[in-house]
Every structure is written in C-alpha cells, then in structure tokens.
C-alpha cells in the first residue's frame, strides 16, 4: 500500500490546492476594491472625488496588508498574493494623488465652512 503508484504521484493537500489556483486570481478582488472605491468616491462633491478616491485606495491597501499578515502569505510567490495587491493599490493611490488640485479642495472646504 505504501509503495503504490497512487501514493507516489499524490501531492500533499496544501501543494495541490496552491497548484490549482490561477496565478492571477487576485485580480478579481483588486477590481472589486477599485470599483467600491470609485463608487464611494463618486458620492462626494466634484472637488473631493480624487482625494477621497486616493484615500480609499490607500486604506484598501492597508486592509489588504492586514489580510496578508493574517493569512501568513509569503511576499515571494509565483502567483499574485495579497502583498502584490496591496502594493498595486498603494501605487494607484499615489498615482491618483498626483492629479489632486489642492487649491480647489481648500476653496471648496472654505466655501462649505462659510455656508454653515
């Protein structure tokens, strides 16, 4: 029984599950995170859309890092890990931050403060 072909060809359950997962399976969760950030940022007034979108992406990156730590994922893997997702979300947040017009945000905040 120990020397059968079935036992020799069988992979451990952990390795078998890792081999079955697609290498880019995490792109779905990244797409969902970006879509949710876009949705919630779109509820803001126009001057606040980009700053809020960038911050939501950043907090999504922090949440993804927390998930990677809880799962104890290795940052080095051949497939897309939560660490990679967090890095991409943080880079997207930084990229969005390049297009934020700080003066228009300050003007909108001052206008809202005077209106109240």
PDB file of N, CA and C in Angstrom:
ATOM      1  N   UNK A   1       0.815  -1.181   0.000  1.00  0.00           N
ATOM      2  CA  UNK A   1       0.000   0.000   0.000  1.00  0.00           C
ATOM      3  C   UNK A   1       0.867   1.256   0.000  1.00  0.00           C
ATOM      4  N   UNK A   2       2.009   1.251   0.706  1.00  0.00           N
ATOM      5  CA  UNK A   2       2.851   2.433   0.774  1.00  0.00           C
ATOM      6  C   UNK A   2       3.640   2.657  -0.493  1.00  0.00           C
ATOM      7  N   UNK A   3       3.871   1.635  -1.258  1.00  0.00           N
ATOM      8  CA  UNK A   3       4.679   1.765  -2.455  1.00  0.00           C
ATOM      9  C   UNK A   3       3.849   1.846  -3.721  1.00  0.00           C
ATOM     10  N   UNK A   4       2.559   2.053  -3.626  1.00  0.00           N
ATOM     11  CA  UNK A   4       1.721   2.059  -4.816  1.00  0.00           C
ATOM     12  C   UNK A   4       1.958   3.321  -5.638  1.00  0.00           C
ATOM     13  N   UNK A   5       1.583   3.237  -6.908  1.00  0.00           N
ATOM     14  CA  UNK A   5       1.738   4.381  -7.807  1.00  0.00           C
ATOM     15  C   UNK A   5       0.889   5.559  -7.357  1.00  0.00           C
ATOM     16  N   UNK A   6      -0.245   5.258  -6.766  1.00  0.00           N
ATOM     17  CA  UNK A   6      -1.130   6.331  -6.320  1.00  0.00           C
ATOM     18  C   UNK A   6      -0.457   7.168  -5.227  1.00  0.00           C
ATOM     19  N   UNK A   7       0.228   6.528  -4.295  1.00  0.00           N
ATOM     20  CA  UNK A   7       0.896   7.250  -3.207  1.00  0.00           C
ATOM     21  C   UNK A   7       2.098   8.040  -3.710  1.00  0.00           C
ATOM     22  N   UNK A   8       2.810   7.515  -4.693  1.00  0.00           N
ATOM     23  CA  UNK A   8       3.984   8.208  -5.211  1.00  0.00           C
ATOM     24  C   UNK A   8       3.606   9.442  -6.016  1.00  0.00           C
ATOM     25  N   UNK A   9       2.483   9.394  -6.715  1.00  0.00           N
ATOM     26  CA  UNK A   9       2.069  10.506  -7.566  1.00  0.00           C
ATOM     27  C   UNK A   9       1.209  11.526  -6.833  1.00  0.00           C
ATOM     28  N   UNK A  10       0.758  11.175  -5.660  1.00  0.00           N
ATOM     29  CA  UNK A  10      -0.106  12.083  -4.919  1.00  0.00           C
ATOM     30  C   UNK A  10       0.707  13.242  -4.358  1.00  0.00           C
ATOM     31  N   UNK A  11       0.130  14.427  -4.457  1.00  0.00           N
ATOM     32  CA  UNK A  11       0.776  15.604  -3.890  1.00  0.00           C
ATOM     33  C   UNK A  11       0.154  15.893  -2.538  1.00  0.00           C
ATOM     34  N   UNK A  12       0.889  16.546  -1.652  1.00  0.00           N
ATOM     35  CA  UNK A  12       0.281  16.941  -0.388  1.00  0.00           C
ATOM     36  C   UNK A  12      -0.896  17.879  -0.636  1.00  0.00           C
ATOM     37  N   UNK A  13      -1.905  17.877   0.243  1.00  0.00           N
ATOM     38  CA  UNK A  13      -3.090  18.712   0.010  1.00  0.00           C
ATOM     39  C   UNK A  13      -2.771  20.195  -0.141  1.00  0.00           C
ATOM     40  N   UNK A  14      -1.832  20.745   0.624  1.00  0.00           N
ATOM     41  CA  UNK A  14      -1.520  22.169   0.529  1.00  0.00           C
ATOM     42  C   UNK A  14      -0.905  22.491  -0.825  1.00  0.00           C
ATOM     43  N   UNK A  15       0.007  21.668  -1.288  1.00  0.00           N
ATOM     44  CA  UNK A  15       0.652  21.917  -2.575  1.00  0.00           C
ATOM     45  C   UNK A  15      -0.343  21.727  -3.715  1.00  0.00           C
ATOM     46  N   UNK A  16      -1.250  20.769  -3.565  1.00  0.00           N
ATOM     47  CA  UNK A  16      -2.233  20.519  -4.609  1.00  0.00           C
ATOM     48  C   UNK A  16      -3.175  21.714  -4.742  1.00  0.00           C
ATOM     49  N   UNK A  17      -3.608  22.294  -3.620  1.00  0.00           N
ATOM     50  CA  UNK A  17      -4.501  23.449  -3.662  1.00  0.00           C
ATOM     51  C   UNK A  17      -3.816  24.664  -4.250  1.00  0.00           C
ATOM     52  N   UNK A  18      -2.543  24.865  -3.933  1.00  0.00           N
ATOM     53  CA  UNK A  18      -1.805  26.009  -4.463  1.00  0.00           C
ATOM     54  C   UNK A  18      -1.591  25.870  -5.961  1.00  0.00           C
ATOM     55  N   UNK A  19      -1.412  24.636  -6.434  1.00  0.00           N
ATOM     56  CA  UNK A  19      -1.192  24.424  -7.857  1.00  0.00           C
ATOM     57  C   UNK A  19      -2.477  24.638  -8.652  1.00  0.00           C
ATOM     58  N   UNK A  20      -3.628  24.449  -8.029  1.00  0.00           N
ATOM     59  CA  UNK A  20      -4.892  24.580  -8.727  1.00  0.00           C
ATOM     60  C   UNK A  20      -5.344  26.034  -8.867  1.00  0.00           C
ATOM     61  N   UNK A  21      -4.855  26.924  -8.011  1.00  0.00           N
ATOM     62  CA  UNK A  21      -5.275  28.316  -8.067  1.00  0.00           C
ATOM     63  C   UNK A  21      -4.651  29.005  -9.272  1.00  0.00           C
ATOM     64  N   UNK A  22      -5.433  29.828  -9.964  1.00  0.00           N
ATOM     65  CA  UNK A  22      -4.854  30.551 -11.106  1.00  0.00           C
ATOM     66  C   UNK A  22      -3.857  31.596 -10.616  1.00  0.00           C
ATOM     67  N   UNK A  23      -2.826  31.887 -11.416  1.00  0.00           N
ATOM     68  CA  UNK A  23      -1.790  32.827 -10.958  1.00  0.00           C
ATOM     69  C   UNK A  23      -2.295  34.257 -10.795  1.00  0.00           C
ATOM     70  N   UNK A  24      -3.351  34.639 -11.502  1.00  0.00           N
ATOM     71  CA  UNK A  24      -3.880  35.994 -11.414  1.00  0.00           C
ATOM     72  C   UNK A  24      -5.276  36.020 -10.797  1.00  0.00           C
ATOM     73  N   UNK A  25      -5.559  35.089  -9.917  1.00  0.00           N
ATOM     74  CA  UNK A  25      -6.873  35.028  -9.285  1.00  0.00           C
ATOM     75  C   UNK A  25      -7.172  36.217  -8.404  1.00  0.00           C
ATOM     76  N   UNK A  26      -6.153  36.878  -7.880  1.00  0.00           N
ATOM     77  CA  UNK A  26      -6.355  38.025  -7.008  1.00  0.00           C
ATOM     78  C   UNK A  26      -6.771  39.285  -7.743  1.00  0.00           C
ATOM     79  N   UNK A  27      -6.738  39.272  -9.069  1.00  0.00           N
ATOM     80  CA  UNK A  27      -7.144  40.452  -9.816  1.00  0.00           C
ATOM     81  C   UNK A  27      -8.629  40.749  -9.647  1.00  0.00           C
ATOM     82  N   UNK A  28      -9.430  39.721  -9.404  1.00  0.00           N
ATOM     83  CA  UNK A  28     -10.856  39.945  -9.178  1.00  0.00           C
ATOM     84  C   UNK A  28     -11.074  40.769  -7.919  1.00  0.00           C
ATOM     85  N   UNK A  29     -10.385  40.415  -6.844  1.00  0.00           N
ATOM     86  CA  UNK A  29     -10.572  41.163  -5.597  1.00  0.00           C
ATOM     87  C   UNK A  29     -10.027  42.587  -5.731  1.00  0.00           C
ATOM     88  N   UNK A  30      -8.960  42.765  -6.502  1.00  0.00           N
ATOM     89  CA  UNK A  30      -8.463  44.120  -6.738  1.00  0.00           C
ATOM     90  C   UNK A  30      -9.455  44.934  -7.540  1.00  0.00           C
ATOM     91  N   UNK A  31     -10.048  44.326  -8.525  1.00  0.00           N
ATOM     92  CA  UNK A  31     -11.062  45.016  -9.318  1.00  0.00           C
ATOM     93  C   UNK A  31     -12.259  45.418  -8.481  1.00  0.00           C
ATOM     94  N   UNK A  32     -12.655  44.543  -7.578  1.00  0.00           N
ATOM     95  CA  UNK A  32     -13.773  44.860  -6.692  1.00  0.00           C
ATOM     96  C   UNK A  32     -13.397  46.009  -5.758  1.00  0.00           C
ATOM     97  N   UNK A  33     -12.172  46.012  -5.245  1.00  0.00           N
ATOM     98  CA  UNK A  33     -11.726  47.082  -4.338  1.00  0.00           C
ATOM     99  C   UNK A  33     -11.707  48.425  -5.061  1.00  0.00           C
ATOM    100  N   UNK A  34     -11.198  48.457  -6.287  1.00  0.00           N
ATOM    101  CA  UNK A  34     -11.151  49.707  -7.045  1.00  0.00           C
ATOM    102  C   UNK A  34     -12.563  50.164  -7.400  1.00  0.00           C
ATOM    103  N   UNK A  35     -13.442  49.232  -7.750  1.00  0.00           N
ATOM    104  CA  UNK A  35     -14.821  49.580  -8.080  1.00  0.00           C
ATOM    105  C   UNK A  35     -15.546  50.160  -6.875  1.00  0.00           C
ATOM    106  N   UNK A  36     -15.371  49.545  -5.705  1.00  0.00           N
ATOM    107  CA  UNK A  36     -16.001  50.084  -4.497  1.00  0.00           C
ATOM    108  C   UNK A  36     -15.452  51.460  -4.144  1.00  0.00           C
ATOM    109  N   UNK A  37     -14.141  51.649  -4.302  1.00  0.00           N
ATOM    110  CA  UNK A  37     -13.555  52.962  -4.035  1.00  0.00           C
ATOM    111  C   UNK A  37     -14.119  54.009  -4.998  1.00  0.00           C
ATOM    112  N   UNK A  38     -14.262  53.646  -6.267  1.00  0.00           N
ATOM    113  CA  UNK A  38     -14.865  54.565  -7.237  1.00  0.00           C
ATOM    114  C   UNK A  38     -16.303  54.891  -6.871  1.00  0.00           C
ATOM    115  N   UNK A  39     -17.049  53.887  -6.463  1.00  0.00           N
ATOM    116  CA  UNK A  39     -18.455  54.095  -6.117  1.00  0.00           C
ATOM    117  C   UNK A  39     -18.587  55.055  -4.938  1.00  0.00           C
ATOM    118  N   UNK A  40     -17.842  54.798  -3.861  1.00  0.00           N
ATOM    119  CA  UNK A  40     -17.967  55.641  -2.680  1.00  0.00           C
ATOM    120  C   UNK A  40     -17.400  57.040  -2.917  1.00  0.00           C
ATOM    121  N   UNK A  41     -16.362  57.162  -3.711  1.00  0.00           N
ATOM    122  CA  UNK A  41     -15.817  58.482  -4.023  1.00  0.00           C
ATOM    123  C   UNK A  41     -16.763  59.273  -4.912  1.00  0.00           C
ATOM    124  N   UNK A  42     -17.556  58.590  -5.717  1.00  0.00           N
ATOM    125  CA  UNK A  42     -18.487  59.291  -6.604  1.00  0.00           C
ATOM    126  C   UNK A  42     -19.644  59.923  -5.839  1.00  0.00           C
ATOM    127  N   UNK A  43     -19.836  59.553  -4.589  1.00  0.00           N
ATOM    128  CA  UNK A  43     -20.893  60.169  -3.791  1.00  0.00           C
ATOM    129  C   UNK A  43     -20.461  61.522  -3.237  1.00  0.00           C
ATOM    130  N   UNK A  44     -19.198  61.868  -3.383  1.00  0.00           N
ATOM    131  CA  UNK A  44     -18.667  63.132  -2.885  1.00  0.00           C
ATOM    132  C   UNK A  44     -18.853  64.244  -3.922  1.00  0.00           C
ATOM    133  N   UNK A  45     -18.833  65.498  -3.474  1.00  0.00           N
ATOM    134  CA  UNK A  45     -18.837  66.600  -4.443  1.00  0.00           C
ATOM    135  C   UNK A  45     -17.592  66.545  -5.332  1.00  0.00           C
ATOM    136  N   UNK A  46     -17.675  67.150  -6.488  1.00  0.00           N
ATOM    137  CA  UNK A  46     -16.636  67.038  -7.514  1.00  0.00           C
ATOM    138  C   UNK A  46     -15.229  67.393  -7.031  1.00  0.00           C
ATOM    139  N   UNK A  47     -15.019  68.463  -6.252  1.00  0.00           N
ATOM    140  CA  UNK A  47     -13.634  68.761  -5.849  1.00  0.00           C
ATOM    141  C   UNK A  47     -13.028  67.709  -4.926  1.00  0.00           C
ATOM    142  N   UNK A  48     -13.872  66.925  -4.273  1.00  0.00           N
ATOM    143  CA  UNK A  48     -13.388  65.937  -3.316  1.00  0.00           C
ATOM    144  C   UNK A  48     -13.271  64.533  -3.889  1.00  0.00           C
ATOM    145  N   UNK A  49     -13.653  64.344  -5.158  1.00  0.00           N
ATOM    146  CA  UNK A  49     -13.662  62.998  -5.739  1.00  0.00           C
ATOM    147  C   UNK A  49     -12.269  62.356  -5.746  1.00  0.00           C
ATOM    148  N   UNK A  50     -11.283  63.023  -6.337  1.00  0.00           N
ATOM    149  CA  UNK A  50      -9.940  62.429  -6.432  1.00  0.00           C
ATOM    150  C   UNK A  50      -9.267  62.235  -5.076  1.00  0.00           C
ATOM    151  N   UNK A  51      -9.335  63.231  -4.156  1.00  0.00           N
ATOM    152  CA  UNK A  51      -8.712  62.973  -2.850  1.00  0.00           C
ATOM    153  C   UNK A  51      -9.343  61.801  -2.107  1.00  0.00           C
ATOM    154  N   UNK A  52     -10.664  61.711  -2.158  1.00  0.00           N
ATOM    155  CA  UNK A  52     -11.343  60.614  -1.461  1.00  0.00           C
ATOM    156  C   UNK A  52     -11.038  59.289  -2.138  1.00  0.00           C
ATOM    157  N   UNK A  53     -11.018  59.270  -3.461  1.00  0.00           N
ATOM    158  CA  UNK A  53     -10.696  58.043  -4.195  1.00  0.00           C
ATOM    159  C   UNK A  53      -9.288  57.556  -3.851  1.00  0.00           C
ATOM    160  N   UNK A  54      -8.335  58.476  -3.820  1.00  0.00           N
ATOM    161  CA  UNK A  54      -6.963  58.109  -3.465  1.00  0.00           C
ATOM    162  C   UNK A  54      -6.858  57.576  -2.044  1.00  0.00           C
ATOM    163  N   UNK A  55      -7.564  58.207  -1.111  1.00  0.00           N
ATOM    164  CA  UNK A  55      -7.521  57.744   0.275  1.00  0.00           C
ATOM    165  C   UNK A  55      -8.192  56.389   0.437  1.00  0.00           C
ATOM    166  N   UNK A  56      -9.287  56.169  -0.272  1.00  0.00           N
ATOM    167  CA  UNK A  56      -9.940  54.859  -0.201  1.00  0.00           C
ATOM    168  C   UNK A  56      -9.045  53.761  -0.766  1.00  0.00           C
ATOM    169  N   UNK A  57      -8.323  54.061  -1.834  1.00  0.00           N
ATOM    170  CA  UNK A  57      -7.369  53.088  -2.370  1.00  0.00           C
ATOM    171  C   UNK A  57      -6.265  52.798  -1.357  1.00  0.00           C
ATOM    172  N   UNK A  58      -5.791  53.845  -0.678  1.00  0.00           N
ATOM    173  CA  UNK A  58      -4.741  53.666   0.313  1.00  0.00           C
ATOM    174  C   UNK A  58      -5.229  52.805   1.479  1.00  0.00           C
ATOM    175  N   UNK A  59      -6.434  53.080   1.968  1.00  0.00           N
ATOM    176  CA  UNK A  59      -6.961  52.273   3.067  1.00  0.00           C
ATOM    177  C   UNK A  59      -7.273  50.849   2.615  1.00  0.00           C
ATOM    178  N   UNK A  60      -7.622  50.681   1.327  1.00  0.00           N
ATOM    179  CA  UNK A  60      -7.764  49.333   0.784  1.00  0.00           C
ATOM    180  C   UNK A  60      -6.436  48.591   0.776  1.00  0.00           C
ATOM    181  N   UNK A  61      -5.351  49.319   0.494  1.00  0.00           N
ATOM    182  CA  UNK A  61      -4.018  48.712   0.531  1.00  0.00           C
ATOM    183  C   UNK A  61      -3.665  48.298   1.962  1.00  0.00           C
ATOM    184  N   UNK A  62      -3.984  49.153   2.935  1.00  0.00           N
ATOM    185  CA  UNK A  62      -3.715  48.798   4.333  1.00  0.00           C
ATOM    186  C   UNK A  62      -4.523  47.575   4.763  1.00  0.00           C
ATOM    187  N   UNK A  63      -5.775  47.514   4.335  1.00  0.00           N
ATOM    188  CA  UNK A  63      -6.596  46.351   4.656  1.00  0.00           C
ATOM    189  C   UNK A  63      -6.071  45.084   4.012  1.00  0.00           C
ATOM    190  N   UNK A  64      -5.556  45.202   2.800  1.00  0.00           N
ATOM    191  CA  UNK A  64      -5.002  44.051   2.113  1.00  0.00           C
ATOM    192  C   UNK A  64      -3.721  43.574   2.785  1.00  0.00           C
ATOM    193  N   UNK A  65      -2.918  44.504   3.300  1.00  0.00           N
ATOM    194  CA  UNK A  65      -1.727  44.120   4.063  1.00  0.00           C
ATOM    195  C   UNK A  65      -2.141  43.358   5.316  1.00  0.00           C
ATOM    196  N   UNK A  66      -3.185  43.822   5.962  1.00  0.00           N
ATOM    197  CA  UNK A  66      -3.689  43.123   7.151  1.00  0.00           C
ATOM    198  C   UNK A  66      -4.130  41.703   6.799  1.00  0.00           C
ATOM    199  N   UNK A  67      -4.798  41.533   5.676  1.00  0.00           N
ATOM    200  CA  UNK A  67      -5.215  40.201   5.225  1.00  0.00           C
ATOM    201  C   UNK A  67      -3.997  39.323   4.952  1.00  0.00           C
ATOM    202  N   UNK A  68      -2.966  39.890   4.325  1.00  0.00           N
ATOM    203  CA  UNK A  68      -1.753  39.115   4.032  1.00  0.00           C
ATOM    204  C   UNK A  68      -1.056  38.676   5.313  1.00  0.00           C
ATOM    205  N   UNK A  69      -1.052  39.537   6.310  1.00  0.00           N
ATOM    206  CA  UNK A  69      -0.417  39.185   7.580  1.00  0.00           C
ATOM    207  C   UNK A  69      -1.224  38.100   8.288  1.00  0.00           C
ATOM    208  N   UNK A  70      -2.541  38.223   8.281  1.00  0.00           N
ATOM    209  CA  UNK A  70      -3.380  37.220   8.939  1.00  0.00           C
ATOM    210  C   UNK A  70      -3.249  35.868   8.244  1.00  0.00           C
ATOM    211  N   UNK A  71      -3.197  35.873   6.911  1.00  0.00           N
ATOM    212  CA  UNK A  71      -3.048  34.623   6.158  1.00  0.00           C
ATOM    213  C   UNK A  71      -1.637  34.064   6.216  1.00  0.00           C
ATOM    214  N   UNK A  72      -0.690  34.863   6.679  1.00  0.00           N
ATOM    215  CA  UNK A  72       0.726  34.499   6.713  1.00  0.00           C
ATOM    216  C   UNK A  72       1.245  34.154   5.318  1.00  0.00           C
ATOM    217  N   UNK A  73       0.868  34.983   4.356  1.00  0.00           N
ATOM    218  CA  UNK A  73       1.315  34.775   2.987  1.00  0.00           C
ATOM    219  C   UNK A  73       2.757  35.223   2.822  1.00  0.00           C
ATOM    220  N   UNK A  74       3.454  34.518   2.010  1.00  0.00           N
ATOM    221  CA  UNK A  74       4.828  34.881   1.698  1.00  0.00           C
ATOM    222  C   UNK A  74       4.817  35.971   0.626  1.00  0.00           C
ATOM    223  N   UNK A  75       5.602  37.016   0.789  1.00  0.00           N
ATOM    224  CA  UNK A  75       5.638  38.050  -0.254  1.00  0.00           C
ATOM    225  C   UNK A  75       6.238  37.551  -1.570  1.00  0.00           C
ATOM    226  N   UNK A  76       6.991  36.473  -1.502  1.00  0.00           N
ATOM    227  CA  UNK A  76       7.616  35.928  -2.707  1.00  0.00           C
ATOM    228  C   UNK A  76       6.845  34.697  -3.157  1.00  0.00           C
ATOM    229  N   UNK A  77       6.170  34.832  -4.276  1.00  0.00           N
ATOM    230  CA  UNK A  77       5.394  33.732  -4.813  1.00  0.00           C
ATOM    231  C   UNK A  77       5.260  33.927  -6.317  1.00  0.00           C
ATOM    232  N   UNK A  78       4.960  32.836  -6.993  1.00  0.00           N
ATOM    233  CA  UNK A  78       4.785  32.926  -8.447  1.00  0.00           C
ATOM    234  C   UNK A  78       3.394  33.408  -8.818  1.00  0.00           C
ATOM    235  N   UNK A  79       2.492  33.396  -7.880  1.00  0.00           N
ATOM    236  CA  UNK A  79       1.141  33.867  -8.152  1.00  0.00           C
ATOM    237  C   UNK A  79       0.949  35.228  -7.488  1.00  0.00           C
ATOM    238  N   UNK A  80      -0.129  35.889  -7.827  1.00  0.00           N
ATOM    239  CA  UNK A  80      -0.437  37.197  -7.276  1.00  0.00           C
ATOM    240  C   UNK A  80      -0.920  37.020  -5.839  1.00  0.00           C
ATOM    241  N   UNK A  81      -0.205  37.599  -4.885  1.00  0.00           N
ATOM    242  CA  UNK A  81      -0.555  37.470  -3.477  1.00  0.00           C
ATOM    243  C   UNK A  81      -1.200  38.761  -2.987  1.00  0.00           C
ATOM    244  N   UNK A  82      -1.649  38.721  -1.745  1.00  0.00           N
ATOM    245  CA  UNK A  82      -2.231  39.918  -1.140  1.00  0.00           C
ATOM    246  C   UNK A  82      -1.190  41.020  -1.011  1.00  0.00           C
ATOM    247  N   UNK A  83       0.083  40.651  -0.868  1.00  0.00           N
ATOM    248  CA  UNK A  83       1.144  41.658  -0.814  1.00  0.00           C
ATOM    249  C   UNK A  83       1.230  42.412  -2.140  1.00  0.00           C
ATOM    250  N   UNK A  84       1.125  41.698  -3.234  1.00  0.00           N
ATOM    251  CA  UNK A  84       1.157  42.332  -4.549  1.00  0.00           C
ATOM    252  C   UNK A  84      -0.047  43.238  -4.752  1.00  0.00           C
ATOM    253  N   UNK A  85      -1.203  42.771  -4.310  1.00  0.00           N
ATOM    254  CA  UNK A  85      -2.414  43.580  -4.414  1.00  0.00           C
ATOM    255  C   UNK A  85      -2.278  44.864  -3.606  1.00  0.00           C
ATOM    256  N   UNK A  86      -1.737  44.757  -2.402  1.00  0.00           N
ATOM    257  CA  UNK A  86      -1.552  45.941  -1.567  1.00  0.00           C
ATOM    258  C   UNK A  86      -0.589  46.922  -2.218  1.00  0.00           C
ATOM    259  N   UNK A  87       0.473  46.411  -2.806  1.00  0.00           N
ATOM    260  CA  UNK A  87       1.434  47.293  -3.476  1.00  0.00           C
ATOM    261  C   UNK A  87       0.795  47.999  -4.664  1.00  0.00           C
ATOM    262  N   UNK A  88       0.004  47.277  -5.440  1.00  0.00           N
ATOM    263  CA  UNK A  88      -0.662  47.898  -6.589  1.00  0.00           C
ATOM    264  C   UNK A  88      -1.687  48.939  -6.154  1.00  0.00           C
ATOM    265  N   UNK A  89      -2.438  48.655  -5.088  1.00  0.00           N
ATOM    266  CA  UNK A  89      -3.404  49.634  -4.584  1.00  0.00           C
ATOM    267  C   UNK A  89      -2.698  50.870  -4.043  1.00  0.00           C
ATOM    268  N   UNK A  90      -1.570  50.690  -3.351  1.00  0.00           N
ATOM    269  CA  UNK A  90      -0.825  51.836  -2.831  1.00  0.00           C
ATOM    270  C   UNK A  90      -0.240  52.670  -3.977  1.00  0.00           C
ATOM    271  N   UNK A  91       0.262  52.009  -5.012  1.00  0.00           N
ATOM    272  CA  UNK A  91       0.772  52.747  -6.177  1.00  0.00           C
ATOM    273  C   UNK A  91      -0.346  53.494  -6.896  1.00  0.00           C
ATOM    274  N   UNK A  92      -1.510  52.871  -7.005  1.00  0.00           N
ATOM    275  CA  UNK A  92      -2.654  53.554  -7.623  1.00  0.00           C
ATOM    276  C   UNK A  92      -3.064  54.768  -6.790  1.00  0.00           C
ATOM    277  N   UNK A  93      -3.005  54.637  -5.468  1.00  0.00           N
ATOM    278  CA  UNK A  93      -3.323  55.760  -4.588  1.00  0.00           C
ATOM    279  C   UNK A  93      -2.341  56.910  -4.798  1.00  0.00           C
ATOM    280  N   UNK A  94      -1.061  56.585  -4.884  1.00  0.00           N
ATOM    281  CA  UNK A  94      -0.061  57.623  -5.131  1.00  0.00           C
ATOM    282  C   UNK A  94      -0.248  58.269  -6.499  1.00  0.00           C
ATOM    283  N   UNK A  95      -0.583  57.475  -7.488  1.00  0.00           N
ATOM    284  CA  UNK A  95      -0.798  57.997  -8.841  1.00  0.00           C
ATOM    285  C   UNK A  95      -1.990  58.935  -8.873  1.00  0.00           C
ATOM    286  N   UNK A  96      -3.077  58.561  -8.207  1.00  0.00           N
ATOM    287  CA  UNK A  96      -4.258  59.423  -8.157  1.00  0.00           C
ATOM    288  C   UNK A  96      -3.924  60.720  -7.430  1.00  0.00           C
ATOM    289  N   UNK A  97      -3.090  60.629  -6.401  1.00  0.00           N
ATOM    290  CA  UNK A  97      -2.708  61.816  -5.647  1.00  0.00           C
ATOM    291  C   UNK A  97      -1.962  62.854  -6.473  1.00  0.00           C
ATOM    292  N   UNK A  98      -1.336  62.432  -7.566  1.00  0.00           N
ATOM    293  CA  UNK A  98      -0.645  63.380  -8.441  1.00  0.00           C
ATOM    294  C   UNK A  98      -1.610  64.345  -9.129  1.00  0.00           C
ATOM    295  N   UNK A  99      -2.870  63.954  -9.275  1.00  0.00           N
ATOM    296  CA  UNK A  99      -3.837  64.751 -10.010  1.00  0.00           C
ATOM    297  C   UNK A  99      -4.781  65.540  -9.118  1.00  0.00           C
ATOM    298  N   UNK A 100      -4.563  65.516  -7.819  1.00  0.00           N
ATOM    299  CA  UNK A 100      -5.414  66.252  -6.888  1.00  0.00           C
ATOM    300  C   UNK A 100      -5.041  67.730  -6.934  1.00  0.00           C
ATOM    301  N   UNK A 101      -6.040  68.571  -7.154  1.00  0.00           N
ATOM    302  CA  UNK A 101      -5.841  70.016  -7.145  1.00  0.00           C
ATOM    303  C   UNK A 101      -6.113  70.512  -5.731  1.00  0.00           C
ATOM    304  N   UNK A 102      -5.059  70.734  -4.981  1.00  0.00           N
ATOM    305  CA  UNK A 102      -5.177  71.072  -3.565  1.00  0.00           C
ATOM    306  C   UNK A 102      -5.876  72.412  -3.382  1.00  0.00           C
ATOM    307  N   UNK A 103      -5.616  73.361  -4.265  1.00  0.00           N
ATOM    308  CA  UNK A 103      -6.225  74.685  -4.132  1.00  0.00           C
ATOM    309  C   UNK A 103      -7.736  74.629  -4.288  1.00  0.00           C
ATOM    310  N   UNK A 104      -8.239  73.816  -5.217  1.00  0.00           N
ATOM    311  CA  UNK A 104      -9.689  73.717  -5.390  1.00  0.00           C
ATOM    312  C   UNK A 104     -10.327  72.995  -4.201  1.00  0.00           C
ATOM    313  N   UNK A 105      -9.627  72.061  -3.600  1.00  0.00           N
ATOM    314  CA  UNK A 105     -10.149  71.379  -2.421  1.00  0.00           C
ATOM    315  C   UNK A 105     -10.219  72.351  -1.251  1.00  0.00           C
ATOM    316  N   UNK A 106      -9.181  73.162  -1.059  1.00  0.00           N
ATOM    317  CA  UNK A 106      -9.183  74.158   0.015  1.00  0.00           C
ATOM    318  C   UNK A 106     -10.290  75.182  -0.206  1.00  0.00           C
ATOM    319  N   UNK A 107     -10.471  75.624  -1.450  1.00  0.00           N
ATOM    320  CA  UNK A 107     -11.529  76.585  -1.759  1.00  0.00           C
ATOM    321  C   UNK A 107     -12.906  75.995  -1.476  1.00  0.00           C
ATOM    322  N   UNK A 108     -13.100  74.741  -1.825  1.00  0.00           N
ATOM    323  CA  UNK A 108     -14.394  74.097  -1.573  1.00  0.00           C
ATOM    324  C   UNK A 108     -14.638  73.935  -0.079  1.00  0.00           C
ATOM    325  N   UNK A 109     -13.601  73.607   0.680  1.00  0.00           N
ATOM    326  CA  UNK A 109     -13.748  73.490   2.134  1.00  0.00           C
ATOM    327  C   UNK A 109     -14.067  74.838   2.768  1.00  0.00           C
ATOM    328  N   UNK A 110     -13.396  75.905   2.308  1.00  0.00           N
ATOM    329  CA  UNK A 110     -13.680  77.233   2.838  1.00  0.00           C
ATOM    330  C   UNK A 110     -15.091  77.676   2.486  1.00  0.00           C
ATOM    331  N   UNK A 111     -15.527  77.358   1.278  1.00  0.00           N
ATOM    332  CA  UNK A 111     -16.886  77.710   0.855  1.00  0.00           C
ATOM    333  C   UNK A 111     -17.919  76.999   1.709  1.00  0.00           C
ATOM    334  N   UNK A 112     -17.682  75.728   2.004  1.00  0.00           N
ATOM    335  CA  UNK A 112     -18.606  74.973   2.859  1.00  0.00           C
ATOM    336  C   UNK A 112     -18.605  75.507   4.284  1.00  0.00           C
ATOM    337  N   UNK A 113     -17.432  75.935   4.777  1.00  0.00           N
ATOM    338  CA  UNK A 113     -17.345  76.461   6.139  1.00  0.00           C
ATOM    339  C   UNK A 113     -18.096  77.781   6.245  1.00  0.00           C
ATOM    340  N   UNK A 114     -18.037  78.624   5.205  1.00  0.00           N
ATOM    341  CA  UNK A 114     -18.755  79.889   5.226  1.00  0.00           C
ATOM    342  C   UNK A 114     -20.252  79.689   5.098  1.00  0.00           C
ATOM    343  N   UNK A 115     -20.669  78.647   4.386  1.00  0.00           N
ATOM    344  CA  UNK A 115     -22.093  78.385   4.188  1.00  0.00           C
ATOM    345  C   UNK A 115     -22.765  77.895   5.482  1.00  0.00           C
ATOM    346  N   UNK A 116     -21.981  77.346   6.370  1.00  0.00           N
ATOM    347  CA  UNK A 116     -22.589  76.828   7.609  1.00  0.00           C
ATOM    348  C   UNK A 116     -22.585  77.856   8.622  1.00  0.00           C
TER     349      UNK A 116
END
